Amino acid sequence: MKPLIPELSLSEIVKSVLDNQEKKLDYYLASFSSPMQLSTTPHRASYFGLALCTKGTAHLLASLEDYPLLTGSLIVMGPTIIRTWKDQSTDYAEESLFFTIPLFFETRVNSSPFKEFTFFGNETPNVIQLDIDDANLISKLLQDIKDIIGTPTLRKDEIVKSYINIILNQVADLYDKYCPKSLTEPDTQTKMVNQFKKSLIENYLHIRSVNGYANLLNITPKHLSQTIKANTGKTAREWIHDILILEAKVRLKQTSLSINQISDSLKFSDPSLFGKYFKRYAGFSPAVYRKRKEEIT
């Protein structure tokens, strides 16, 4: 069985906001006084997103990294990143801009946007904390885009594309300012961490041992363990547990499969072993977790 963490399109993620209207979207910008309905469910996306926290606090889990969000937090995510929102304060608010992959490439027809806007890659932080002036700069650009969207003009789409290009270049400058190390050529240890995370996302249903990932990366398990712990604060084994538990939670909440079937699909040799494993790392038995009303976190 394949991983069940879904990939959502831009139309799907904003459907509730658009009153379930069927509409193909290339971009969307809005103010949210609380996170969107689907965002509390772990998912990937088929679009790019930028958001600025304007009020309140929250936690975002992106690529298994836990990011605390405060006023002035800039959130940047490309497609394929597994993301989950959790622990939002009641007053949480953000300004969000989403746009599709084709539109992303249209903004830079004469160059490679992935080479220029490397902050959309898996190797850079998904959240950076801006000072007041920089937060105001991004907020002003988002407001300008919103104003253009609300203006009746035949050239609206072209103007929006131009503004998206501007805001992406501003974000690139902010990444240069706030985390320049993430945009330089990674050192050997950073490359190893990135390779481990990539391998983990691709193989977590089939490989769940440190030895297995060490073999994939052609290094010793001890070297892998020490490097991952030193650079992420979590052990390689903890990373493996985290993503497997996340997948189990998705199957418990979003499918009608029995617990025995879920255990089998996750390649546990016995349902009781799956139950003990899940309770140890999730804090609840699978049956109790399935009945809980809270969203997946």
C-alpha atoms as a PDB file:
ATOM      1  CA  MET A   1       0.000   0.000   0.000  1.00  0.00           C
ATOM      2  CA  LYS A   2       1.241   3.466  -0.877  1.00  0.00           C
ATOM      3  CA  PRO A   3       1.525   6.322   1.633  1.00  0.00           C
ATOM      4  CA  LEU A   4      -1.871   7.898   2.273  1.00  0.00           C
ATOM      5  CA  ILE A   5      -0.700  11.417   3.032  1.00  0.00           C
ATOM      6  CA  PRO A   6      -2.640  13.223   0.286  1.00  0.00           C
ATOM      7  CA  GLU A   7      -1.481  15.824  -2.219  1.00  0.00           C
ATOM      8  CA  LEU A   8      -3.983  18.677  -2.441  1.00  0.00           C
ATOM      9  CA  SER A   9      -4.475  21.052  -5.341  1.00  0.00           C
ATOM     10  CA  LEU A  10      -4.959  24.773  -4.928  1.00  0.00           C
ATOM     11  CA  SER A  11      -8.648  24.426  -5.825  1.00  0.00           C
ATOM     12  CA  GLU A  12      -9.113  21.777  -3.125  1.00  0.00           C
ATOM     13  CA  ILE A  13      -7.392  23.739  -0.381  1.00  0.00           C
ATOM     14  CA  VAL A  14      -9.537  26.865  -0.897  1.00  0.00           C
ATOM     15  CA  LYS A  15     -12.796  25.119  -1.839  1.00  0.00           C
ATOM     16  CA  SER A  16     -14.447  25.867   1.498  1.00  0.00           C
ATOM     17  CA  VAL A  17     -13.506  29.532   1.182  1.00  0.00           C
ATOM     18  CA  LEU A  18     -15.038  29.733  -2.301  1.00  0.00           C
ATOM     19  CA  ASP A  19     -18.328  28.160  -1.178  1.00  0.00           C
ATOM     20  CA  ASN A  20     -17.502  24.913  -3.001  1.00  0.00           C
ATOM     21  CA  GLN A  21     -17.451  26.590  -6.401  1.00  0.00           C
ATOM     22  CA  GLU A  22     -15.744  24.499  -9.049  1.00  0.00           C
ATOM     23  CA  LYS A  23     -13.028  26.755 -10.385  1.00  0.00           C
ATOM     24  CA  LYS A  24      -9.538  26.231 -11.742  1.00  0.00           C
ATOM     25  CA  LEU A  25      -7.150  28.565  -9.956  1.00  0.00           C
ATOM     26  CA  ASP A  26      -3.629  29.688 -10.838  1.00  0.00           C
ATOM     27  CA  TYR A  27      -3.236  31.902  -7.766  1.00  0.00           C
ATOM     28  CA  TYR A  28      -5.128  32.825  -4.647  1.00  0.00           C
ATOM     29  CA  LEU A  29      -4.555  35.403  -1.935  1.00  0.00           C
ATOM     30  CA  ALA A  30      -6.573  35.857   1.220  1.00  0.00           C
ATOM     31  CA  SER A  31      -6.538  36.837   4.877  1.00  0.00           C
ATOM     32  CA  PHE A  32      -7.305  34.012   7.256  1.00  0.00           C
ATOM     33  CA  SER A  33      -8.464  34.630  10.792  1.00  0.00           C
ATOM     34  CA  SER A  34      -7.882  30.944  11.453  1.00  0.00           C
ATOM     35  CA  PRO A  35      -6.128  28.195   9.465  1.00  0.00           C
ATOM     36  CA  MET A  36      -8.056  26.634   6.606  1.00  0.00           C
ATOM     37  CA  GLN A  37     -10.159  23.588   7.311  1.00  0.00           C
ATOM     38  CA  LEU A  38      -7.933  21.086   5.509  1.00  0.00           C
ATOM     39  CA  SER A  39      -4.621  22.384   6.785  1.00  0.00           C
ATOM     40  CA  THR A  40      -4.897  20.574  10.125  1.00  0.00           C
ATOM     41  CA  THR A  41      -4.632  17.306   8.199  1.00  0.00           C
ATOM     42  CA  PRO A  42      -1.136  16.208   7.127  1.00  0.00           C
ATOM     43  CA  HIS A  43      -0.845  16.778   3.389  1.00  0.00           C
ATOM     44  CA  ARG A  44       1.405  17.657   0.525  1.00  0.00           C
ATOM     45  CA  ALA A  45       0.505  20.272  -2.064  1.00  0.00           C
ATOM     46  CA  SER A  46       0.674  20.710  -5.815  1.00  0.00           C
ATOM     47  CA  TYR A  47       1.264  24.454  -5.440  1.00  0.00           C
ATOM     48  CA  PHE A  48       3.603  26.982  -3.822  1.00  0.00           C
ATOM     49  CA  GLY A  49       2.724  29.071  -0.812  1.00  0.00           C
ATOM     50  CA  LEU A  50       3.886  32.161   1.065  1.00  0.00           C
ATOM     51  CA  ALA A  51       2.248  33.353   4.274  1.00  0.00           C
ATOM     52  CA  LEU A  52       2.900  36.004   6.898  1.00  0.00           C
ATOM     53  CA  CYS A  53       1.643  35.568  10.443  1.00  0.00           C
ATOM     54  CA  THR A  54       0.033  38.874  11.406  1.00  0.00           C
ATOM     55  CA  LYS A  55      -1.387  37.958  14.799  1.00  0.00           C
ATOM     56  CA  GLY A  56      -1.391  35.198  17.392  1.00  0.00           C
ATOM     57  CA  THR A  57       0.704  32.059  17.619  1.00  0.00           C
ATOM     58  CA  ALA A  58       0.717  28.577  16.140  1.00  0.00           C
ATOM     59  CA  HIS A  59       2.909  25.591  15.448  1.00  0.00           C
ATOM     60  CA  LEU A  60       3.581  24.304  11.957  1.00  0.00           C
ATOM     61  CA  LEU A  61       4.998  20.839  11.357  1.00  0.00           C
ATOM     62  CA  ALA A  62       6.738  20.898   7.966  1.00  0.00           C
ATOM     63  CA  SER A  63       8.945  18.060   6.736  1.00  0.00           C
ATOM     64  CA  LEU A  64       8.863  16.788  10.358  1.00  0.00           C
ATOM     65  CA  GLU A  65      10.385  20.050  11.615  1.00  0.00           C
ATOM     66  CA  ASP A  66       8.379  21.848  14.308  1.00  0.00           C
ATOM     67  CA  TYR A  67       8.188  25.605  13.713  1.00  0.00           C
ATOM     68  CA  PRO A  68       6.701  27.968  16.323  1.00  0.00           C
ATOM     69  CA  LEU A  69       4.905  30.850  14.605  1.00  0.00           C
ATOM     70  CA  LEU A  70       4.704  34.384  15.965  1.00  0.00           C
ATOM     71  CA  THR A  71       3.678  37.740  14.553  1.00  0.00           C
ATOM     72  CA  GLY A  72       6.163  38.396  11.753  1.00  0.00           C
ATOM     73  CA  SER A  73       6.840  34.756  10.932  1.00  0.00           C
ATOM     74  CA  LEU A  74       7.243  34.238   7.185  1.00  0.00           C
ATOM     75  CA  ILE A  75       6.158  30.773   6.021  1.00  0.00           C
ATOM     76  CA  VAL A  76       7.484  29.504   2.690  1.00  0.00           C
ATOM     77  CA  MET A  77       6.604  26.101   1.271  1.00  0.00           C
ATOM     78  CA  GLY A  78       6.979  24.418  -2.087  1.00  0.00           C
ATOM     79  CA  PRO A  79       5.157  21.334  -3.331  1.00  0.00           C
ATOM     80  CA  THR A  80       5.807  17.879  -1.827  1.00  0.00           C
ATOM     81  CA  ILE A  81       6.542  19.168   1.694  1.00  0.00           C
ATOM     82  CA  ILE A  82       4.408  17.331   4.256  1.00  0.00           C
ATOM     83  CA  ARG A  83       2.778  19.984   6.409  1.00  0.00           C
ATOM     84  CA  THR A  84       0.400  20.000   9.385  1.00  0.00           C
ATOM     85  CA  TRP A  85      -0.915  22.914  11.407  1.00  0.00           C
ATOM     86  CA  LYS A  86      -1.418  22.484  15.147  1.00  0.00           C
ATOM     87  CA  ASP A  87      -1.815  24.379  18.415  1.00  0.00           C
ATOM     88  CA  GLN A  88      -3.149  27.613  16.885  1.00  0.00           C
ATOM     89  CA  SER A  89      -4.182  30.371  19.271  1.00  0.00           C
ATOM     90  CA  THR A  90      -7.769  31.572  18.894  1.00  0.00           C
ATOM     91  CA  ASP A  91      -6.575  34.917  17.530  1.00  0.00           C
ATOM     92  CA  TYR A  92      -4.164  33.444  14.961  1.00  0.00           C
ATOM     93  CA  ALA A  93      -4.249  35.290  11.626  1.00  0.00           C
ATOM     94  CA  GLU A  94      -2.168  35.246   8.466  1.00  0.00           C
ATOM     95  CA  GLU A  95      -1.924  36.732   4.993  1.00  0.00           C
ATOM     96  CA  SER A  96      -1.472  33.936   2.448  1.00  0.00           C
ATOM     97  CA  LEU A  97      -0.506  33.760  -1.213  1.00  0.00           C
ATOM     98  CA  PHE A  98      -0.746  30.505  -3.168  1.00  0.00           C
ATOM     99  CA  PHE A  99       0.158  29.906  -6.798  1.00  0.00           C
ATOM    100  CA  THR A 100       0.476  26.898  -9.071  1.00  0.00           C
ATOM    101  CA  ILE A 101       3.594  25.320 -10.510  1.00  0.00           C
ATOM    102  CA  PRO A 102       2.847  26.500 -14.105  1.00  0.00           C
ATOM    103  CA  LEU A 103       2.397  30.083 -12.907  1.00  0.00           C
ATOM    104  CA  PHE A 104       5.648  29.816 -10.930  1.00  0.00           C
ATOM    105  CA  PHE A 105       7.534  28.981 -14.110  1.00  0.00           C
ATOM    106  CA  GLU A 106       5.715  31.673 -16.088  1.00  0.00           C
ATOM    107  CA  THR A 107       7.055  34.354 -13.733  1.00  0.00           C
ATOM    108  CA  ARG A 108      10.645  33.540 -14.785  1.00  0.00           C
ATOM    109  CA  VAL A 109      10.451  32.496 -18.420  1.00  0.00           C
ATOM    110  CA  ASN A 110      14.092  33.346 -19.170  1.00  0.00           C
ATOM    111  CA  SER A 111      15.749  31.643 -16.206  1.00  0.00           C
ATOM    112  CA  SER A 112      15.493  28.755 -13.801  1.00  0.00           C
ATOM    113  CA  PRO A 113      13.283  29.791 -10.865  1.00  0.00           C
ATOM    114  CA  PHE A 114      14.355  26.809  -8.798  1.00  0.00           C
ATOM    115  CA  LYS A 115      17.973  27.922  -9.054  1.00  0.00           C
ATOM    116  CA  GLU A 116      17.133  31.506  -8.091  1.00  0.00           C
ATOM    117  CA  PHE A 117      14.498  30.785  -5.449  1.00  0.00           C
ATOM    118  CA  THR A 118      16.194  27.972  -3.565  1.00  0.00           C
ATOM    119  CA  PHE A 119      14.168  28.745  -0.435  1.00  0.00           C
ATOM    120  CA  PHE A 120      11.447  26.524  -1.940  1.00  0.00           C
ATOM    121  CA  GLY A 121      13.730  23.501  -1.627  1.00  0.00           C
ATOM    122  CA  ASN A 122      13.774  20.941   1.171  1.00  0.00           C
ATOM    123  CA  GLU A 123      17.193  22.121   2.365  1.00  0.00           C
ATOM    124  CA  THR A 124      16.094  25.524   3.666  1.00  0.00           C
ATOM    125  CA  PRO A 125      13.954  26.450   6.692  1.00  0.00           C
ATOM    126  CA  ASN A 126      10.242  26.740   5.961  1.00  0.00           C
ATOM    127  CA  VAL A 127       9.844  29.572   8.467  1.00  0.00           C
ATOM    128  CA  ILE A 128      11.961  32.658   9.190  1.00  0.00           C
ATOM    129  CA  GLN A 129      11.186  35.317  11.780  1.00  0.00           C
ATOM    130  CA  LEU A 130      11.151  38.833  10.298  1.00  0.00           C
ATOM    131  CA  ASP A 131      11.711  42.117  12.067  1.00  0.00           C
ATOM    132  CA  ILE A 132       8.962  44.757  11.972  1.00  0.00           C
ATOM    133  CA  ASP A 133      10.238  46.576   8.888  1.00  0.00           C
ATOM    134  CA  ASP A 134      10.663  43.420   6.818  1.00  0.00           C
ATOM    135  CA  ALA A 135       7.292  42.060   7.939  1.00  0.00           C
ATOM    136  CA  ASN A 136       5.672  45.346   6.893  1.00  0.00           C
ATOM    137  CA  LEU A 137       7.394  45.096   3.507  1.00  0.00           C
ATOM    138  CA  ILE A 138       5.956  41.644   2.816  1.00  0.00           C
ATOM    139  CA  SER A 139       2.558  42.674   4.186  1.00  0.00           C
ATOM    140  CA  LYS A 140       2.482  45.690   1.851  1.00  0.00           C
ATOM    141  CA  LEU A 141       3.310  43.541  -1.192  1.00  0.00           C
ATOM    142  CA  LEU A 142       0.599  41.041  -0.288  1.00  0.00           C
ATOM    143  CA  GLN A 143      -1.888  43.880   0.107  1.00  0.00           C
ATOM    144  CA  ASP A 144      -0.866  45.276  -3.292  1.00  0.00           C
ATOM    145  CA  ILE A 145      -1.561  41.891  -4.876  1.00  0.00           C
ATOM    146  CA  LYS A 146      -4.920  41.699  -3.122  1.00  0.00           C
ATOM    147  CA  ASP A 147      -5.816  45.173  -4.421  1.00  0.00           C
ATOM    148  CA  ILE A 148      -4.896  44.193  -7.979  1.00  0.00           C
ATOM    149  CA  ILE A 149      -6.994  41.013  -7.750  1.00  0.00           C
ATOM    150  CA  GLY A 150      -9.953  43.147  -6.733  1.00  0.00           C
ATOM    151  CA  THR A 151      -9.449  45.613  -9.613  1.00  0.00           C
ATOM    152  CA  PRO A 152     -11.410  45.149 -12.864  1.00  0.00           C
ATOM    153  CA  THR A 153      -8.668  45.127 -15.507  1.00  0.00           C
ATOM    154  CA  LEU A 154      -7.979  42.974 -18.538  1.00  0.00           C
ATOM    155  CA  ARG A 155      -4.323  42.762 -17.534  1.00  0.00           C
ATOM    156  CA  LYS A 156      -4.968  41.504 -13.990  1.00  0.00           C
ATOM    157  CA  ASP A 157      -3.244  38.133 -14.428  1.00  0.00           C
ATOM    158  CA  GLU A 158      -0.134  39.656 -15.962  1.00  0.00           C
ATOM    159  CA  ILE A 159       0.107  42.280 -13.213  1.00  0.00           C
ATOM    160  CA  VAL A 160      -0.317  39.610 -10.524  1.00  0.00           C
ATOM    161  CA  LYS A 161       2.456  37.534 -12.124  1.00  0.00           C
ATOM    162  CA  SER A 162       4.728  40.568 -12.034  1.00  0.00           C
ATOM    163  CA  TYR A 163       3.970  41.153  -8.364  1.00  0.00           C
ATOM    164  CA  ILE A 164       4.603  37.487  -7.562  1.00  0.00           C
ATOM    165  CA  ASN A 165       7.993  37.806  -9.228  1.00  0.00           C
ATOM    166  CA  ILE A 166       8.695  40.901  -7.108  1.00  0.00           C
ATOM    167  CA  ILE A 167       7.678  39.260  -3.835  1.00  0.00           C
ATOM    168  CA  LEU A 168       9.721  36.143  -4.617  1.00  0.00           C
ATOM    169  CA  ASN A 169      12.809  38.264  -5.157  1.00  0.00           C
ATOM    170  CA  GLN A 170      12.129  40.109  -1.895  1.00  0.00           C
ATOM    171  CA  VAL A 171      11.808  36.771  -0.096  1.00  0.00           C
ATOM    172  CA  ALA A 172      15.104  35.655  -1.661  1.00  0.00           C
ATOM    173  CA  ASP A 173      16.737  38.770  -0.213  1.00  0.00           C
ATOM    174  CA  LEU A 174      15.223  38.021   3.203  1.00  0.00           C
ATOM    175  CA  TYR A 175      16.626  34.482   3.151  1.00  0.00           C
ATOM    176  CA  ASP A 176      20.012  35.954   2.268  1.00  0.00           C
ATOM    177  CA  LYS A 177      19.659  38.220   5.292  1.00  0.00           C
ATOM    178  CA  TYR A 178      18.199  35.889   7.913  1.00  0.00           C
ATOM    179  CA  CYS A 179      19.706  32.503   7.047  1.00  0.00           C
ATOM    180  CA  PRO A 180      22.525  32.939   4.535  1.00  0.00           C
ATOM    181  CA  LYS A 181      24.091  29.607   5.457  1.00  0.00           C
ATOM    182  CA  SER A 182      21.058  27.722   4.146  1.00  0.00           C
ATOM    183  CA  LEU A 183      21.569  29.188   0.665  1.00  0.00           C
ATOM    184  CA  THR A 184      25.275  28.483   0.322  1.00  0.00           C
ATOM    185  CA  GLU A 185      26.765  25.206  -0.822  1.00  0.00           C
ATOM    186  CA  PRO A 186      25.983  22.810   2.044  1.00  0.00           C
ATOM    187  CA  ASP A 187      28.842  21.201   3.904  1.00  0.00           C
ATOM    188  CA  THR A 188      29.281  17.450   4.084  1.00  0.00           C
ATOM    189  CA  GLN A 189      27.194  17.007   7.227  1.00  0.00           C
ATOM    190  CA  THR A 190      24.337  19.133   5.904  1.00  0.00           C
ATOM    191  CA  LYS A 191      24.326  17.144   2.679  1.00  0.00           C
ATOM    192  CA  MET A 192      24.090  13.941   4.699  1.00  0.00           C
ATOM    193  CA  VAL A 193      21.150  15.270   6.730  1.00  0.00           C
ATOM    194  CA  ASN A 194      19.348  16.347   3.545  1.00  0.00           C
ATOM    195  CA  GLN A 195      19.986  12.988   1.906  1.00  0.00           C
ATOM    196  CA  PHE A 196      18.703  11.178   4.984  1.00  0.00           C
ATOM    197  CA  LYS A 197      15.480  13.233   5.067  1.00  0.00           C
ATOM    198  CA  LYS A 198      14.914  12.669   1.341  1.00  0.00           C
ATOM    199  CA  SER A 199      15.518   8.935   1.704  1.00  0.00           C
ATOM    200  CA  LEU A 200      13.246   8.806   4.745  1.00  0.00           C
ATOM    201  CA  ILE A 201      10.314  10.420   2.933  1.00  0.00           C
ATOM    202  CA  GLU A 202      10.770   8.063  -0.016  1.00  0.00           C
ATOM    203  CA  ASN A 203      11.265   4.818   1.933  1.00  0.00           C
ATOM    204  CA  TYR A 204       9.636   5.051   5.368  1.00  0.00           C
ATOM    205  CA  LEU A 205       7.047   2.367   4.615  1.00  0.00           C
ATOM    206  CA  HIS A 206       9.768  -0.093   3.671  1.00  0.00           C
ATOM    207  CA  ILE A 207      12.825   0.838   5.733  1.00  0.00           C
ATOM    208  CA  ARG A 208      12.567   1.601   9.441  1.00  0.00           C
ATOM    209  CA  SER A 209      16.031   0.938  10.782  1.00  0.00           C
ATOM    210  CA  VAL A 210      19.044   3.212  11.076  1.00  0.00           C
ATOM    211  CA  ASN A 211      21.115   0.464   9.479  1.00  0.00           C
ATOM    212  CA  GLY A 212      18.825   0.456   6.449  1.00  0.00           C
ATOM    213  CA  TYR A 213      19.247   4.177   5.818  1.00  0.00           C
ATOM    214  CA  ALA A 214      22.975   4.000   6.516  1.00  0.00           C
ATOM    215  CA  ASN A 215      23.241   1.354   3.809  1.00  0.00           C
ATOM    216  CA  LEU A 216      21.329   3.577   1.377  1.00  0.00           C
ATOM    217  CA  LEU A 217      23.712   6.444   2.069  1.00  0.00           C
ATOM    218  CA  ASN A 218      26.764   4.180   2.044  1.00  0.00           C
ATOM    219  CA  ILE A 219      27.934   5.216   5.525  1.00  0.00           C
ATOM    220  CA  THR A 220      28.130   3.498   8.895  1.00  0.00           C
ATOM    221  CA  PRO A 221      25.067   3.548  11.182  1.00  0.00           C
ATOM    222  CA  LYS A 222      27.135   5.179  13.941  1.00  0.00           C
ATOM    223  CA  HIS A 223      28.256   8.007  11.655  1.00  0.00           C
ATOM    224  CA  LEU A 224      24.698   8.568  10.451  1.00  0.00           C
ATOM    225  CA  SER A 225      23.291   8.583  13.985  1.00  0.00           C
ATOM    226  CA  GLN A 226      25.903  11.008  15.303  1.00  0.00           C
ATOM    227  CA  THR A 227      25.526  13.368  12.358  1.00  0.00           C
ATOM    228  CA  ILE A 228      21.717  13.477  12.457  1.00  0.00           C
ATOM    229  CA  LYS A 229      21.659  14.050  16.213  1.00  0.00           C
ATOM    230  CA  ALA A 230      24.307  16.784  16.088  1.00  0.00           C
ATOM    231  CA  ASN A 231      22.590  18.681  13.261  1.00  0.00           C
ATOM    232  CA  THR A 232      18.883  18.256  14.035  1.00  0.00           C
ATOM    233  CA  GLY A 233      18.661  17.638  17.778  1.00  0.00           C
ATOM    234  CA  LYS A 234      16.796  14.395  17.107  1.00  0.00           C
ATOM    235  CA  THR A 235      18.234  10.957  16.553  1.00  0.00           C
ATOM    236  CA  ALA A 236      17.833   9.180  13.231  1.00  0.00           C
ATOM    237  CA  ARG A 237      15.647   6.640  15.026  1.00  0.00           C
ATOM    238  CA  GLU A 238      13.365   9.442  16.275  1.00  0.00           C
ATOM    239  CA  TRP A 239      12.980  10.756  12.723  1.00  0.00           C
ATOM    240  CA  ILE A 240      11.992   7.266  11.578  1.00  0.00           C
ATOM    241  CA  HIS A 241       9.446   6.909  14.386  1.00  0.00           C
ATOM    242  CA  ASP A 242       7.968  10.374  13.747  1.00  0.00           C
ATOM    243  CA  ILE A 243       7.148   9.839  10.084  1.00  0.00           C
ATOM    244  CA  LEU A 244       5.817   6.315  10.625  1.00  0.00           C
ATOM    245  CA  ILE A 245       3.530   7.493  13.440  1.00  0.00           C
ATOM    246  CA  LEU A 246       2.325  10.354  11.229  1.00  0.00           C
ATOM    247  CA  GLU A 247       1.380   7.869   8.505  1.00  0.00           C
ATOM    248  CA  ALA A 248      -0.365   5.644  11.047  1.00  0.00           C
ATOM    249  CA  LYS A 249      -2.380   8.620  12.342  1.00  0.00           C
ATOM    250  CA  VAL A 250      -3.506   9.483   8.812  1.00  0.00           C
ATOM    251  CA  ARG A 251      -4.710   5.918   8.251  1.00  0.00           C
ATOM    252  CA  LEU A 252      -6.502   5.801  11.588  1.00  0.00           C
ATOM    253  CA  LYS A 253      -8.306   9.115  11.026  1.00  0.00           C
ATOM    254  CA  GLN A 254      -8.918   9.119   7.287  1.00  0.00           C
ATOM    255  CA  THR A 255      -9.696   5.506   6.382  1.00  0.00           C
ATOM    256  CA  SER A 256     -12.165   2.854   7.479  1.00  0.00           C
ATOM    257  CA  LEU A 257      -9.446   0.205   7.562  1.00  0.00           C
ATOM    258  CA  SER A 258      -9.457  -1.913  10.679  1.00  0.00           C
ATOM    259  CA  ILE A 259      -6.552  -1.565  13.070  1.00  0.00           C
ATOM    260  CA  ASN A 260      -5.414  -5.038  12.043  1.00  0.00           C
ATOM    261  CA  GLN A 261      -5.451  -3.957   8.380  1.00  0.00           C
ATOM    262  CA  ILE A 262      -3.508  -0.794   9.189  1.00  0.00           C
ATOM    263  CA  SER A 263      -0.987  -2.838  11.132  1.00  0.00           C
ATOM    264  CA  ASP A 264      -0.559  -5.142   8.155  1.00  0.00           C
ATOM    265  CA  SER A 265      -0.321  -2.248   5.659  1.00  0.00           C
ATOM    266  CA  LEU A 266       2.443  -0.686   7.747  1.00  0.00           C
ATOM    267  CA  LYS A 267       4.264  -4.034   7.711  1.00  0.00           C
ATOM    268  CA  PHE A 268       4.041  -4.861  11.398  1.00  0.00           C
ATOM    269  CA  SER A 269       4.283  -8.603  11.954  1.00  0.00           C
ATOM    270  CA  ASP A 270       1.515  -8.575  14.559  1.00  0.00           C
ATOM    271  CA  PRO A 271      -1.310  -6.111  15.435  1.00  0.00           C
ATOM    272  CA  SER A 272      -0.319  -6.219  19.101  1.00  0.00           C
ATOM    273  CA  LEU A 273       3.177  -5.034  18.199  1.00  0.00           C
ATOM    274  CA  PHE A 274       1.666  -2.177  16.189  1.00  0.00           C
ATOM    275  CA  GLY A 275      -0.551  -1.281  19.145  1.00  0.00           C
ATOM    276  CA  LYS A 276       2.382  -1.187  21.555  1.00  0.00           C
ATOM    277  CA  TYR A 277       4.502   0.772  19.091  1.00  0.00           C
ATOM    278  CA  PHE A 278       1.775   3.343  18.445  1.00  0.00           C
ATOM    279  CA  LYS A 279       0.973   3.825  22.125  1.00  0.00           C
ATOM    280  CA  ARG A 280       4.647   4.246  22.985  1.00  0.00           C
ATOM    281  CA  TYR A 281       5.236   7.027  20.458  1.00  0.00           C
ATOM    282  CA  ALA A 282       1.748   8.591  20.118  1.00  0.00           C
ATOM    283  CA  GLY A 283       0.655   8.341  23.733  1.00  0.00           C
ATOM    284  CA  PHE A 284      -2.593   6.507  22.992  1.00  0.00           C
ATOM    285  CA  SER A 285      -3.609   3.094  21.750  1.00  0.00           C
ATOM    286  CA  PRO A 286      -4.719   3.066  18.080  1.00  0.00           C
ATOM    287  CA  ALA A 287      -8.340   2.479  19.119  1.00  0.00           C
ATOM    288  CA  VAL A 288      -8.373   5.379  21.589  1.00  0.00           C
ATOM    289  CA  TYR A 289      -6.637   7.709  19.129  1.00  0.00           C
ATOM    290  CA  ARG A 290      -9.159   6.880  16.380  1.00  0.00           C
ATOM    291  CA  LYS A 291     -12.053   7.900  18.660  1.00  0.00           C
ATOM    292  CA  ARG A 292     -10.483  11.188  19.748  1.00  0.00           C
ATOM    293  CA  LYS A 293     -12.087  14.294  18.263  1.00  0.00           C
ATOM    294  CA  GLU A 294      -8.841  16.233  17.970  1.00  0.00           C
ATOM    295  CA  GLU A 295      -7.216  16.620  14.590  1.00  0.00           C
ATOM    296  CA  ILE A 296      -4.042  14.777  13.657  1.00  0.00           C
ATOM    297  CA  THR A 297      -0.997  16.355  15.282  1.00  0.00           C
END
